[in-house]
Amino acid sequence: QVQVAESGGGWVQPGGSLRLSCAASGQTNSDYAWGWFRQDPGKEREFVAATRWNGASTKYADSATGRFTISRDRAKKMVFLQMNNLKPEDTAVYYCGVGTRWIASRMFLERNYDYWGQGTQVTVSS
């Protein structure tokens, strides 16, 4: 069993930056997938970025490419999402998910993640 917790959300003006953190407790291995998704009220959860725990692969949504960076700290068992040049359309609850198997072609799918945190709110407005 893996427990997941996000932190680091908040309010930021357009063009600003935030760094989200995701911590996991329990056993993980190098083939695990860690992903960030986001969700607006009334909308489906949307893929943002994912990384294989061994660092061999990362994936980004088009909306995140060039602005967001996913990284990990193996010693602390944490994954981060650095978000730069934030836009109002980035406003959402951001969720961290952990999947027990990395399948590159499926890492953008919510159903491939087995454990989820409670989410952290990100608000981008002036």
Protein backbone atom coordinates (compact mmCIF):
# COMPACT_ATOMS: atom_id res chain seq x y z
CA GLN A 1 0.00 0.00 0.00
CA VAL A 2 1.24 3.47 -0.88
CA GLN A 3 -0.02 6.67 0.66
CA VAL A 4 0.38 9.84 -1.33
CA ALA A 5 0.26 13.46 -0.23
CA GLU A 6 0.62 16.66 -2.25
CA SER A 7 1.65 20.08 -1.06
CA GLY A 8 2.79 23.41 -2.43
CA GLY A 9 -0.33 24.79 -4.03
CA GLY A 10 -1.50 28.35 -3.58
CA TRP A 11 -2.32 31.58 -5.34
CA VAL A 12 0.00 33.16 -7.87
CA GLN A 13 -0.29 35.91 -10.43
CA PRO A 14 -0.07 35.12 -14.15
CA GLY A 15 3.53 34.62 -15.15
CA GLY A 16 4.48 33.43 -11.69
CA SER A 17 5.82 30.09 -10.51
CA LEU A 18 4.91 27.39 -8.05
CA ARG A 19 6.54 24.15 -7.04
CA LEU A 20 4.30 21.27 -6.08
CA SER A 21 5.55 18.36 -4.01
CA CYS A 22 4.34 14.80 -3.80
CA ALA A 23 5.45 12.50 -1.01
CA ALA A 24 4.78 8.78 -0.87
CA SER A 25 4.99 6.38 2.03
CA GLY A 26 5.22 2.65 1.65
CA GLN A 27 7.23 0.54 -0.70
CA THR A 28 7.96 1.72 -4.21
CA ASN A 29 10.26 0.41 -6.90
CA SER A 30 12.06 1.69 -9.95
CA ASP A 31 9.26 0.72 -12.32
CA TYR A 32 6.64 2.76 -10.55
CA ALA A 33 5.07 5.67 -12.35
CA TRP A 34 4.47 9.01 -10.69
CA GLY A 35 2.09 11.38 -12.38
CA TRP A 36 0.58 14.80 -11.96
CA PHE A 37 -2.99 15.44 -13.05
CA ARG A 38 -5.26 18.41 -12.58
CA GLN A 39 -8.99 18.90 -12.40
CA ASP A 40 -11.32 21.84 -12.71
CA PRO A 41 -14.79 21.56 -11.16
CA GLY A 42 -17.13 19.89 -13.59
CA LYS A 43 -14.32 18.62 -15.79
CA GLU A 44 -12.44 15.36 -16.10
CA ARG A 45 -9.06 14.89 -14.51
CA GLU A 46 -6.40 15.96 -17.01
CA PHE A 47 -2.88 14.60 -17.40
CA VAL A 48 -0.06 17.07 -16.78
CA ALA A 49 3.22 15.15 -16.44
CA ALA A 50 4.63 11.81 -15.40
CA THR A 51 7.96 10.26 -14.56
CA ARG A 52 9.22 6.77 -14.12
CA TRP A 53 10.65 6.35 -10.67
CA ASN A 54 14.06 5.37 -12.02
CA GLY A 55 14.13 8.63 -13.96
CA ALA A 56 14.49 6.91 -17.32
CA SER A 57 11.35 8.42 -18.80
CA THR A 58 9.21 11.50 -18.47
CA LYS A 59 6.11 12.63 -20.29
CA TYR A 60 4.33 15.95 -20.50
CA ALA A 61 1.01 17.16 -21.74
CA ASP A 62 1.23 19.69 -24.54
CA SER A 63 -0.07 22.35 -22.17
CA ALA A 64 2.84 21.69 -19.80
CA THR A 65 5.68 21.32 -22.26
CA GLY A 66 8.21 24.10 -21.93
CA ARG A 67 6.68 25.51 -18.75
CA PHE A 68 6.48 22.62 -16.28
CA THR A 69 9.21 20.25 -15.14
CA ILE A 70 8.73 17.02 -13.24
CA SER A 71 11.60 15.78 -11.10
CA ARG A 72 12.19 13.39 -8.25
CA ASP A 73 14.24 12.94 -5.11
CA ARG A 74 14.75 9.24 -4.59
CA ALA A 75 16.23 9.59 -1.13
CA LYS A 76 13.21 11.49 0.11
CA LYS A 77 10.77 9.48 -2.02
CA MET A 78 9.30 12.64 -3.43
CA VAL A 79 8.33 13.96 -6.83
CA PHE A 80 8.07 17.63 -7.71
CA LEU A 81 6.31 19.66 -10.35
CA GLN A 82 7.98 22.98 -11.06
CA MET A 83 5.48 25.22 -12.81
CA ASN A 84 6.71 28.40 -14.47
CA ASN A 85 4.96 31.08 -16.50
CA LEU A 86 1.63 30.09 -15.00
CA LYS A 87 -1.55 31.08 -16.76
CA PRO A 88 -5.11 31.51 -15.50
CA GLU A 89 -6.07 28.33 -17.36
CA ASP A 90 -3.65 26.40 -15.13
CA THR A 91 -6.01 27.01 -12.23
CA ALA A 92 -7.14 23.63 -10.90
CA VAL A 93 -6.74 21.10 -8.14
CA TYR A 94 -3.52 19.23 -8.81
CA TYR A 95 -3.30 15.56 -7.91
CA CYS A 96 -0.35 13.26 -7.61
CA GLY A 97 -0.84 9.64 -8.58
CA VAL A 98 1.40 6.61 -8.19
CA GLY A 99 1.10 3.63 -10.48
CA THR A 100 2.73 0.28 -9.91
CA ARG A 101 3.79 -0.14 -13.50
CA TRP A 102 5.26 2.24 -16.05
CA ILE A 103 3.64 1.84 -19.45
CA ALA A 104 4.81 4.73 -21.56
CA SER A 105 1.83 4.70 -23.89
CA ARG A 106 -0.63 4.83 -21.01
CA MET A 107 0.87 7.23 -18.53
CA PHE A 108 -1.51 9.96 -19.52
CA LEU A 109 -4.47 7.80 -18.45
CA GLU A 110 -5.89 8.25 -14.98
CA ARG A 111 -6.75 4.55 -14.68
CA ASN A 112 -3.09 3.58 -14.77
CA TYR A 113 -2.49 5.07 -11.35
CA ASP A 114 -3.33 3.06 -8.28
CA TYR A 115 -2.82 5.54 -5.48
CA TRP A 116 -3.82 9.18 -5.27
CA GLY A 117 -3.36 12.06 -2.93
CA GLN A 118 -6.06 14.48 -1.84
CA GLY A 119 -4.95 17.22 -4.18
CA THR A 120 -3.64 20.74 -3.78
CA GLN A 121 -5.33 23.85 -5.14
CA VAL A 122 -3.48 26.07 -7.59
CA THR A 123 -5.07 29.42 -8.43
CA VAL A 124 -3.60 31.73 -11.05
CA SER A 125 -5.21 35.14 -11.20
CA SER A 126 -4.43 38.81 -11.04
